[in-house]
Protein backbone atom coordinates (compact mmCIF):
# COMPACT_ATOMS: atom_id res chain seq x y z
CA ASP A 1 91.83 53.32 141.56
CA LEU A 2 88.04 53.58 141.59
CA SER A 3 87.42 49.93 140.86
CA GLN A 4 84.91 47.78 142.69
CA ASN A 5 82.69 50.72 143.61
CA ALA A 6 79.06 51.14 142.61
CA LEU A 7 79.73 54.34 140.69
CA SER A 8 77.24 53.49 137.92
CA GLY A 9 77.16 55.00 134.46
CA SER A 10 75.94 58.38 135.70
CA GLY A 11 78.65 58.54 138.36
CA VAL A 12 81.35 57.72 135.85
CA ALA A 13 79.84 60.25 133.42
CA ALA A 14 80.14 62.96 136.09
CA LEU A 15 83.75 61.96 136.75
CA ALA A 16 84.52 61.91 133.03
CA GLY A 17 83.04 65.39 132.66
CA ALA A 18 85.38 66.73 135.32
CA LEU A 19 88.35 64.99 133.69
CA ALA A 20 87.40 66.41 130.28
CA ARG A 21 87.43 69.91 131.80
CA GLY A 22 91.04 69.45 132.85
CA GLY A 23 90.74 67.73 136.21
CA LEU A 24 93.80 65.58 136.98
CA PRO A 25 95.73 66.48 133.81
CA ARG A 26 98.67 64.21 134.70
CA LEU A 27 96.55 61.15 135.51
CA LYS A 28 98.30 58.07 134.08
CA SER A 29 95.96 55.25 135.11
CA LEU A 30 92.17 55.11 135.36
CA GLN A 31 90.84 51.88 136.86
CA LEU A 32 87.07 51.59 136.45
CA TYR A 33 86.60 47.84 136.59
CA HIS A 34 83.57 46.44 138.40
CA THR A 35 81.95 49.88 138.81
CA HIS A 36 78.54 49.15 137.22
CA LEU A 37 79.70 51.17 134.22
CA ASP A 38 77.11 51.26 131.44
CA THR A 39 77.09 52.46 127.83
CA VAL A 40 76.49 56.10 128.81
CA GLY A 41 79.48 55.96 131.13
CA VAL A 42 81.77 54.45 128.47
CA GLU A 43 80.66 57.10 125.98
CA ALA A 44 81.48 59.80 128.57
CA VAL A 45 84.91 58.29 129.21
CA ALA A 46 85.54 58.24 125.44
CA GLU A 47 84.54 61.92 125.22
CA SER A 48 86.82 62.82 128.13
CA GLY A 49 89.71 61.29 126.20
CA LYS A 50 89.10 63.71 123.35
CA ARG A 51 89.27 66.80 125.55
CA GLY A 52 91.39 65.78 128.54
CA LEU A 53 93.38 62.90 129.93
CA ARG A 54 96.30 63.63 127.62
CA ALA A 55 98.72 61.72 129.90
CA LEU A 56 96.57 58.62 130.45
CA GLU A 57 98.54 55.42 129.80
CA SER A 58 96.21 52.73 131.19
CA LEU A 59 92.41 52.45 131.11
CA SER A 60 90.60 49.47 132.63
CA LEU A 61 86.88 49.01 131.98
CA HIS A 62 86.48 45.26 132.45
CA GLY A 63 83.96 43.67 134.76
CA ASN A 64 81.19 45.96 133.52
CA SER A 65 78.25 45.42 131.19
CA PHE A 66 77.86 47.93 128.40
CA ALA A 67 76.60 47.77 124.85
CA THR A 68 78.60 47.80 121.65
CA ALA A 69 77.59 51.45 121.19
CA GLY A 70 79.92 52.34 124.06
CA VAL A 71 82.80 50.46 122.47
CA ASP A 72 82.02 52.12 119.13
CA ALA A 73 82.34 55.53 120.84
CA LEU A 74 85.61 54.47 122.42
CA ALA A 75 86.96 53.22 119.07
CA ASP A 76 85.95 56.48 117.36
CA ALA A 77 87.63 58.50 120.09
CA LEU A 78 90.83 56.47 119.84
CA ARG A 79 90.91 56.82 116.06
CA GLY A 80 90.40 60.57 116.51
CA GLY A 81 93.44 60.91 118.75
CA ALA A 82 91.91 60.58 122.22
CA PHE A 83 94.15 59.33 125.00
CA PRO A 84 97.34 59.99 122.98
CA GLN A 85 99.61 58.30 125.55
CA LEU A 86 97.44 55.19 126.01
CA LYS A 87 99.52 52.01 126.18
CA ARG A 88 97.05 49.58 127.79
CA LEU A 89 93.30 49.22 127.41
CA VAL A 90 91.46 46.53 129.36
CA LEU A 91 87.95 45.66 128.20
CA PRO A 92 85.37 43.01 129.08
CA GLY A 93 85.82 39.73 127.23
CA GLN A 94 82.96 40.35 124.82
CA HIS A 95 84.44 43.68 123.60
CA TRP A 96 88.20 43.40 123.54
CA GLN A 97 88.28 42.14 119.95
CA HIS A 98 86.07 44.96 118.64
CA GLY A 99 87.54 45.74 115.22
CA GLY A 100 87.74 49.50 115.68
CA VAL A 101 89.34 49.27 119.11
CA LYS A 102 91.84 46.63 117.99
CA ALA A 103 92.82 48.69 114.93
CA ALA A 104 93.23 51.86 117.00
CA CYS A 105 95.33 50.03 119.58
CA GLU A 106 97.51 48.42 116.92
CA ALA A 107 98.02 51.78 115.18
CA ARG A 108 99.48 53.27 118.35
CA GLU A 109 101.14 50.04 119.50
CA ALA A 110 98.93 49.85 122.57
CA LEU A 111 97.99 46.62 124.27
CA CYS A 112 94.29 45.77 124.22
CA VAL A 113 93.66 43.17 126.93
CA ASP A 114 90.80 40.75 127.48
CA MET A 115 89.68 40.49 131.07
CA ARG A 116 86.77 38.18 131.60
CA GLY A 117 84.33 38.95 134.36
């Protein structure tokens, strides 16, 4: 659980790079809420889901401010098969109803949760 740390987008991007290269291959839960995550960080997390994190079941990104471009990247990654075991995705209130994310979650019967703040 890395939540409530000032990791920032660049810190999360570095972490996501390591995860994409096979770090923590059996990781089931990644909690990144309230970490000052930005669009670059969300895009990096989405990319890591394409190349690693095959066992991830829960991803929490709420409590951060990032642009729709980050959610678009996440939706594209999910549609492309990223995070194949994902069962729960927690996004900030303004993004949880993003059409691409909702469709990808519904297609794999994953829960997309709204967490305000």
